[in-house]
């Protein structure tokens, strides 16, 4: 089992920045891929980006490429989502998730989920 806990959400103005954290426990993550997803009210949960823990290789959705950066800290077993140039359409509940081996964009293929953290982008 992998337990995931997100933190760092909040209210930010358009154009601002926010960093989310996802702390993992329960398993070593070397064989896992981690993903960030978001879900706005009335919308499907969508892939934001992911990282393969062992290599650090990342992938991003086109909507966030160039603005968001995913990183991980092996010592802290924590993944981060640095969000810059935030737009109102980035507002959502952000979730981190984990699955074995490879990054995929479909949320149904992730086995472990955090509880989510709210990001609000508003002036």
N, C-alpha and C. Protein backbone atom coordinates (compact mmCIF):
# COMPACT_ATOMS: atom_id res chain seq x y z
N UNK A 1 0.83 -1.19 0.00
CA UNK A 1 0.00 0.00 0.00
C UNK A 1 0.87 1.25 0.00
N UNK A 2 0.40 2.23 -0.71
CA UNK A 2 1.05 3.54 -0.73
C UNK A 2 0.05 4.55 -0.22
N UNK A 3 0.44 5.32 0.78
CA UNK A 3 -0.41 6.39 1.29
C UNK A 3 0.12 7.72 0.75
N UNK A 4 -0.79 8.54 0.29
CA UNK A 4 -0.43 9.82 -0.32
C UNK A 4 -1.18 10.95 0.37
N UNK A 5 -0.47 12.02 0.68
CA UNK A 5 -1.09 13.18 1.32
C UNK A 5 -0.63 14.44 0.60
N UNK A 6 -1.61 15.15 0.02
CA UNK A 6 -1.31 16.41 -0.66
C UNK A 6 -1.39 17.58 0.31
N UNK A 7 -0.65 18.62 -0.02
CA UNK A 7 -0.74 19.87 0.74
C UNK A 7 -0.29 21.01 -0.17
N UNK A 8 -0.56 22.22 0.28
CA UNK A 8 -0.08 23.39 -0.43
C UNK A 8 -1.10 24.15 -1.24
N UNK A 9 -2.32 23.66 -1.28
CA UNK A 9 -3.35 24.37 -2.02
C UNK A 9 -3.73 25.68 -1.33
N UNK A 10 -4.50 26.49 -2.05
CA UNK A 10 -4.94 27.75 -1.48
C UNK A 10 -5.47 28.68 -2.55
N UNK A 11 -5.59 29.94 -2.17
CA UNK A 11 -6.10 30.98 -3.05
C UNK A 11 -4.93 31.78 -3.60
N UNK A 12 -4.91 31.96 -4.91
CA UNK A 12 -3.84 32.73 -5.54
C UNK A 12 -4.46 33.58 -6.65
N UNK A 13 -3.86 34.72 -6.90
CA UNK A 13 -4.35 35.61 -7.95
C UNK A 13 -3.89 35.10 -9.32
N UNK A 14 -4.63 35.42 -10.36
CA UNK A 14 -4.17 35.07 -11.72
C UNK A 14 -2.76 35.60 -11.95
N UNK A 15 -1.93 34.77 -12.56
CA UNK A 15 -0.54 35.12 -12.78
C UNK A 15 0.39 34.72 -11.65
N UNK A 16 -0.20 34.31 -10.54
CA UNK A 16 0.60 33.94 -9.38
C UNK A 16 1.12 32.52 -9.44
N UNK A 17 1.78 32.12 -8.35
CA UNK A 17 2.40 30.80 -8.27
C UNK A 17 1.98 30.09 -6.99
N UNK A 18 2.06 28.77 -7.07
CA UNK A 18 1.73 27.94 -5.92
C UNK A 18 2.53 26.64 -6.07
N UNK A 19 2.95 26.08 -4.96
CA UNK A 19 3.62 24.78 -5.01
C UNK A 19 2.85 23.76 -4.17
N UNK A 20 2.46 22.69 -4.81
CA UNK A 20 1.79 21.59 -4.13
C UNK A 20 2.81 20.51 -3.79
N UNK A 21 2.53 19.83 -2.69
CA UNK A 21 3.37 18.71 -2.27
C UNK A 21 2.53 17.46 -2.17
N UNK A 22 3.16 16.33 -2.41
CA UNK A 22 2.51 15.03 -2.24
C UNK A 22 3.48 14.14 -1.49
N UNK A 23 3.20 13.91 -0.23
CA UNK A 23 4.06 13.08 0.61
C UNK A 23 3.59 11.64 0.55
N UNK A 24 4.52 10.75 0.26
CA UNK A 24 4.19 9.33 0.12
C UNK A 24 4.78 8.52 1.26
N UNK A 25 4.07 7.48 1.65
CA UNK A 25 4.57 6.57 2.68
C UNK A 25 4.05 5.18 2.38
N UNK A 26 4.69 4.20 3.01
CA UNK A 26 4.21 2.83 2.90
C UNK A 26 5.04 1.95 2.00
N UNK A 27 5.60 2.50 0.97
CA UNK A 27 6.40 1.71 0.02
C UNK A 27 7.54 2.58 -0.51
N UNK A 28 8.60 1.95 -0.89
CA UNK A 28 9.60 2.66 -1.66
C UNK A 28 9.03 2.93 -3.04
N UNK A 29 9.31 4.09 -3.57
CA UNK A 29 8.67 4.52 -4.81
C UNK A 29 9.49 4.23 -6.05
N UNK A 30 10.58 3.53 -5.89
CA UNK A 30 11.51 3.37 -7.01
C UNK A 30 10.84 2.69 -8.21
N UNK A 31 9.84 1.86 -7.96
CA UNK A 31 9.17 1.17 -9.07
C UNK A 31 7.86 1.83 -9.49
N UNK A 32 7.63 3.04 -9.00
CA UNK A 32 6.36 3.69 -9.23
C UNK A 32 6.48 4.91 -10.14
N UNK A 33 5.36 5.20 -10.78
CA UNK A 33 5.16 6.48 -11.44
C UNK A 33 4.11 7.25 -10.65
N UNK A 34 4.32 8.53 -10.55
CA UNK A 34 3.41 9.38 -9.80
C UNK A 34 2.75 10.37 -10.76
N UNK A 35 1.51 10.65 -10.50
CA UNK A 35 0.81 11.60 -11.36
C UNK A 35 0.12 12.68 -10.56
N UNK A 36 -0.07 13.82 -11.20
CA UNK A 36 -0.92 14.89 -10.68
C UNK A 36 -2.15 14.97 -11.59
N UNK A 37 -3.29 15.02 -10.96
CA UNK A 37 -4.56 15.18 -11.66
C UNK A 37 -5.31 16.34 -11.04
N UNK A 38 -6.29 16.84 -11.75
CA UNK A 38 -7.14 17.89 -11.19
C UNK A 38 -8.57 17.68 -11.66
N UNK A 39 -9.47 18.17 -10.83
CA UNK A 39 -10.89 18.05 -11.15
C UNK A 39 -11.61 19.31 -10.72
N UNK A 40 -12.18 19.98 -11.70
CA UNK A 40 -12.99 21.16 -11.44
C UNK A 40 -14.45 20.74 -11.33
N UNK A 41 -15.28 21.54 -10.68
CA UNK A 41 -16.70 21.18 -10.53
C UNK A 41 -17.37 20.92 -11.87
N UNK A 42 -18.04 19.80 -11.97
CA UNK A 42 -18.76 19.46 -13.18
C UNK A 42 -17.91 18.93 -14.31
N UNK A 43 -16.63 18.74 -14.05
CA UNK A 43 -15.73 18.28 -15.11
C UNK A 43 -15.10 16.95 -14.73
N UNK A 44 -14.58 16.28 -15.74
CA UNK A 44 -13.87 15.03 -15.53
C UNK A 44 -12.52 15.30 -14.87
N UNK A 45 -12.03 14.29 -14.16
CA UNK A 45 -10.68 14.40 -13.62
C UNK A 45 -9.69 14.32 -14.78
N UNK A 46 -8.76 15.26 -14.81
CA UNK A 46 -7.85 15.30 -15.93
C UNK A 46 -6.39 15.22 -15.48
N UNK A 47 -5.60 14.64 -16.35
CA UNK A 47 -4.17 14.48 -16.13
C UNK A 47 -3.48 15.83 -16.26
N UNK A 48 -2.65 16.15 -15.28
CA UNK A 48 -1.86 17.38 -15.32
C UNK A 48 -0.42 17.05 -15.72
N UNK A 49 0.13 16.05 -15.09
CA UNK A 49 1.49 15.64 -15.40
C UNK A 49 1.89 14.48 -14.52
N UNK A 50 3.08 13.95 -14.78
CA UNK A 50 3.55 12.82 -13.99
C UNK A 50 5.06 12.73 -14.02
N UNK A 51 5.55 11.88 -13.13
CA UNK A 51 6.99 11.67 -13.03
C UNK A 51 7.25 10.20 -12.75
N UNK A 52 8.22 9.67 -13.43
CA UNK A 52 8.66 8.32 -13.15
C UNK A 52 9.72 8.43 -12.05
N UNK A 53 9.46 7.81 -10.92
CA UNK A 53 10.27 8.07 -9.73
C UNK A 53 11.72 7.71 -9.94
N UNK A 54 11.98 6.57 -10.56
CA UNK A 54 13.36 6.10 -10.65
C UNK A 54 14.22 6.99 -11.54
N UNK A 55 13.67 7.45 -12.64
CA UNK A 55 14.47 8.22 -13.60
C UNK A 55 14.27 9.73 -13.47
N UNK A 56 13.15 10.13 -12.89
CA UNK A 56 12.83 11.56 -12.84
C UNK A 56 12.23 12.09 -14.13
N UNK A 57 11.99 11.20 -15.07
CA UNK A 57 11.39 11.64 -16.33
C UNK A 57 9.97 12.15 -16.10
N UNK A 58 9.64 13.25 -16.73
CA UNK A 58 8.33 13.87 -16.54
C UNK A 58 7.55 13.97 -17.85
N UNK A 59 6.26 14.05 -17.70
CA UNK A 59 5.35 14.32 -18.81
C UNK A 59 4.31 15.33 -18.33
N UNK A 60 3.81 16.12 -19.26
CA UNK A 60 2.85 17.16 -18.92
C UNK A 60 1.72 17.21 -19.93
N UNK A 61 0.55 17.62 -19.44
CA UNK A 61 -0.54 17.93 -20.33
C UNK A 61 -0.20 19.22 -21.09
N UNK A 62 -0.70 19.32 -22.30
CA UNK A 62 -0.40 20.51 -23.12
C UNK A 62 -0.87 21.79 -22.43
N UNK A 63 -1.94 21.69 -21.67
CA UNK A 63 -2.52 22.89 -21.06
C UNK A 63 -1.62 23.50 -19.98
N UNK A 64 -0.66 22.73 -19.47
CA UNK A 64 0.19 23.25 -18.40
C UNK A 64 1.67 23.29 -18.78
N UNK A 65 1.99 22.79 -19.96
CA UNK A 65 3.39 22.74 -20.38
C UNK A 65 3.99 24.14 -20.39
N UNK A 66 5.16 24.25 -19.82
CA UNK A 66 5.83 25.54 -19.76
C UNK A 66 5.46 26.37 -18.54
N UNK A 67 4.39 25.98 -17.85
CA UNK A 67 3.96 26.72 -16.66
C UNK A 67 4.12 25.90 -15.39
N UNK A 68 3.91 24.60 -15.49
CA UNK A 68 3.97 23.71 -14.33
C UNK A 68 5.22 22.84 -14.42
N UNK A 69 5.78 22.54 -13.26
CA UNK A 69 6.96 21.68 -13.19
C UNK A 69 6.78 20.67 -12.07
N UNK A 70 7.03 19.42 -12.40
CA UNK A 70 6.96 18.34 -11.41
C UNK A 70 8.37 17.93 -11.04
N UNK A 71 8.59 17.74 -9.75
CA UNK A 71 9.88 17.27 -9.26
C UNK A 71 9.64 16.34 -8.09
N UNK A 72 10.71 15.67 -7.67
CA UNK A 72 10.59 14.81 -6.51
C UNK A 72 11.85 14.90 -5.66
N UNK A 73 11.63 14.62 -4.38
CA UNK A 73 12.72 14.60 -3.41
C UNK A 73 12.78 13.18 -2.86
N UNK A 74 13.80 12.45 -3.24
CA UNK A 74 13.90 11.05 -2.82
C UNK A 74 14.01 10.91 -1.31
N UNK A 75 14.77 11.79 -0.71
CA UNK A 75 15.00 11.69 0.73
C UNK A 75 13.71 11.90 1.52
N UNK A 76 12.84 12.75 1.00
CA UNK A 76 11.59 13.06 1.69
C UNK A 76 10.42 12.24 1.16
N UNK A 77 10.67 11.44 0.13
CA UNK A 77 9.58 10.66 -0.49
C UNK A 77 8.41 11.57 -0.87
N UNK A 78 8.74 12.69 -1.43
CA UNK A 78 7.74 13.71 -1.72
C UNK A 78 7.86 14.19 -3.16
N UNK A 79 6.70 14.34 -3.79
CA UNK A 79 6.61 14.89 -5.13
C UNK A 79 6.05 16.31 -5.04
N UNK A 80 6.48 17.15 -5.95
CA UNK A 80 6.04 18.54 -5.94
C UNK A 80 5.44 18.91 -7.29
N UNK A 81 4.52 19.87 -7.24
CA UNK A 81 3.99 20.47 -8.45
C UNK A 81 4.13 21.98 -8.31
N UNK A 82 5.10 22.54 -9.00
CA UNK A 82 5.28 23.98 -9.02
C UNK A 82 4.42 24.56 -10.13
N UNK A 83 3.50 25.42 -9.75
CA UNK A 83 2.57 25.99 -10.70
C UNK A 83 2.82 27.49 -10.82
N UNK A 84 3.18 27.93 -12.00
CA UNK A 84 3.43 29.35 -12.26
C UNK A 84 2.44 29.88 -13.28
N UNK A 85 2.34 31.19 -13.35
CA UNK A 85 1.45 31.83 -14.32
C UNK A 85 0.05 31.23 -14.27
N UNK A 86 -0.47 31.11 -13.07
CA UNK A 86 -1.76 30.45 -12.90
C UNK A 86 -2.89 31.24 -13.54
N UNK A 87 -3.82 30.49 -14.08
CA UNK A 87 -4.99 31.07 -14.75
C UNK A 87 -6.25 30.65 -14.01
N UNK A 88 -7.33 31.37 -14.16
CA UNK A 88 -8.59 30.95 -13.52
C UNK A 88 -9.00 29.53 -13.90
N UNK A 89 -8.69 29.12 -15.11
CA UNK A 89 -9.07 27.77 -15.54
C UNK A 89 -8.22 26.67 -14.90
N UNK A 90 -7.17 27.05 -14.15
CA UNK A 90 -6.39 26.07 -13.40
C UNK A 90 -7.04 25.72 -12.06
N UNK A 91 -8.05 26.47 -11.67
CA UNK A 91 -8.70 26.23 -10.40
C UNK A 91 -9.37 24.85 -10.39
N UNK A 92 -9.09 24.08 -9.36
CA UNK A 92 -9.62 22.72 -9.26
C UNK A 92 -9.14 22.11 -7.95
N UNK A 93 -9.65 20.93 -7.66
CA UNK A 93 -9.04 20.10 -6.62
C UNK A 93 -7.92 19.31 -7.30
N UNK A 94 -6.75 19.39 -6.74
CA UNK A 94 -5.59 18.69 -7.29
C UNK A 94 -5.31 17.43 -6.47
N UNK A 95 -5.11 16.33 -7.19
CA UNK A 95 -4.84 15.05 -6.56
C UNK A 95 -3.50 14.51 -7.04
N UNK A 96 -2.81 13.82 -6.14
CA UNK A 96 -1.68 13.04 -6.59
C UNK A 96 -2.06 11.56 -6.56
N UNK A 97 -1.39 10.80 -7.39
CA UNK A 97 -1.72 9.39 -7.55
C UNK A 97 -0.46 8.61 -7.87
N UNK A 98 -0.53 7.31 -7.64
CA UNK A 98 0.63 6.45 -7.88
C UNK A 98 0.20 5.15 -8.56
N UNK A 99 1.07 4.66 -9.40
CA UNK A 99 0.87 3.37 -10.05
C UNK A 99 2.25 2.80 -10.34
N UNK A 100 2.29 1.50 -10.61
CA UNK A 100 3.57 0.89 -10.90
C UNK A 100 4.09 1.30 -12.27
N UNK A 101 5.36 1.53 -12.31
CA UNK A 101 6.18 1.64 -13.51
C UNK A 101 6.00 2.90 -14.33
N UNK A 102 4.96 2.99 -15.15
CA UNK A 102 4.96 4.03 -16.18
C UNK A 102 3.89 5.10 -15.94
N UNK A 103 4.16 6.26 -16.46
CA UNK A 103 3.21 7.36 -16.42
C UNK A 103 2.14 7.10 -17.48
N UNK A 104 0.89 7.19 -17.06
CA UNK A 104 -0.21 7.13 -18.01
C UNK A 104 -1.15 8.28 -17.71
N UNK A 105 -1.97 8.65 -18.70
CA UNK A 105 -2.82 9.81 -18.52
C UNK A 105 -4.21 9.47 -17.99
N UNK A 106 -4.54 8.18 -17.94
CA UNK A 106 -5.88 7.79 -17.54
C UNK A 106 -5.95 7.57 -16.04
N UNK A 107 -6.81 8.29 -15.37
CA UNK A 107 -6.87 8.23 -13.91
C UNK A 107 -7.26 6.84 -13.40
N UNK A 108 -8.01 6.12 -14.19
CA UNK A 108 -8.47 4.79 -13.75
C UNK A 108 -7.33 3.80 -13.60
N UNK A 109 -6.19 4.11 -14.16
CA UNK A 109 -5.07 3.19 -14.11
C UNK A 109 -4.12 3.46 -12.95
N UNK A 110 -4.49 4.39 -12.10
CA UNK A 110 -3.71 4.65 -10.90
C UNK A 110 -4.36 3.95 -9.71
N UNK A 111 -3.52 3.34 -8.89
CA UNK A 111 -4.03 2.51 -7.79
C UNK A 111 -4.19 3.26 -6.49
N UNK A 112 -3.38 4.28 -6.28
CA UNK A 112 -3.35 4.97 -5.00
C UNK A 112 -3.58 6.46 -5.22
N UNK A 113 -4.37 7.04 -4.32
CA UNK A 113 -4.76 8.44 -4.46
C UNK A 113 -4.66 9.15 -3.12
N UNK A 114 -4.32 10.43 -3.21
CA UNK A 114 -4.43 11.29 -2.04
C UNK A 114 -5.83 11.84 -1.92
N UNK A 115 -6.04 12.66 -0.91
CA UNK A 115 -7.37 13.18 -0.62
C UNK A 115 -7.69 14.43 -1.41
N UNK A 116 -6.68 15.04 -2.00
CA UNK A 116 -6.88 16.23 -2.81
C UNK A 116 -6.64 17.51 -2.03
N UNK A 117 -6.27 18.55 -2.77
CA UNK A 117 -6.08 19.87 -2.18
C UNK A 117 -6.64 20.90 -3.15
N UNK A 118 -7.37 21.86 -2.61
CA UNK A 118 -8.08 22.83 -3.43
C UNK A 118 -7.15 23.96 -3.87
N UNK A 119 -7.19 24.25 -5.15
CA UNK A 119 -6.50 25.43 -5.69
C UNK A 119 -7.54 26.36 -6.28
N UNK A 120 -7.56 27.59 -5.81
CA UNK A 120 -8.48 28.60 -6.29
C UNK A 120 -7.68 29.74 -6.90
N UNK A 121 -8.02 30.10 -8.12
CA UNK A 121 -7.32 31.19 -8.82
C UNK A 121 -8.34 32.29 -9.08
N UNK A 122 -8.19 33.36 -8.36
CA UNK A 122 -9.18 34.42 -8.45
C UNK A 122 -8.59 35.72 -7.94
N UNK A 123 -9.05 36.81 -8.55
CA UNK A 123 -8.61 38.13 -8.09
C UNK A 123 -9.58 38.68 -7.06
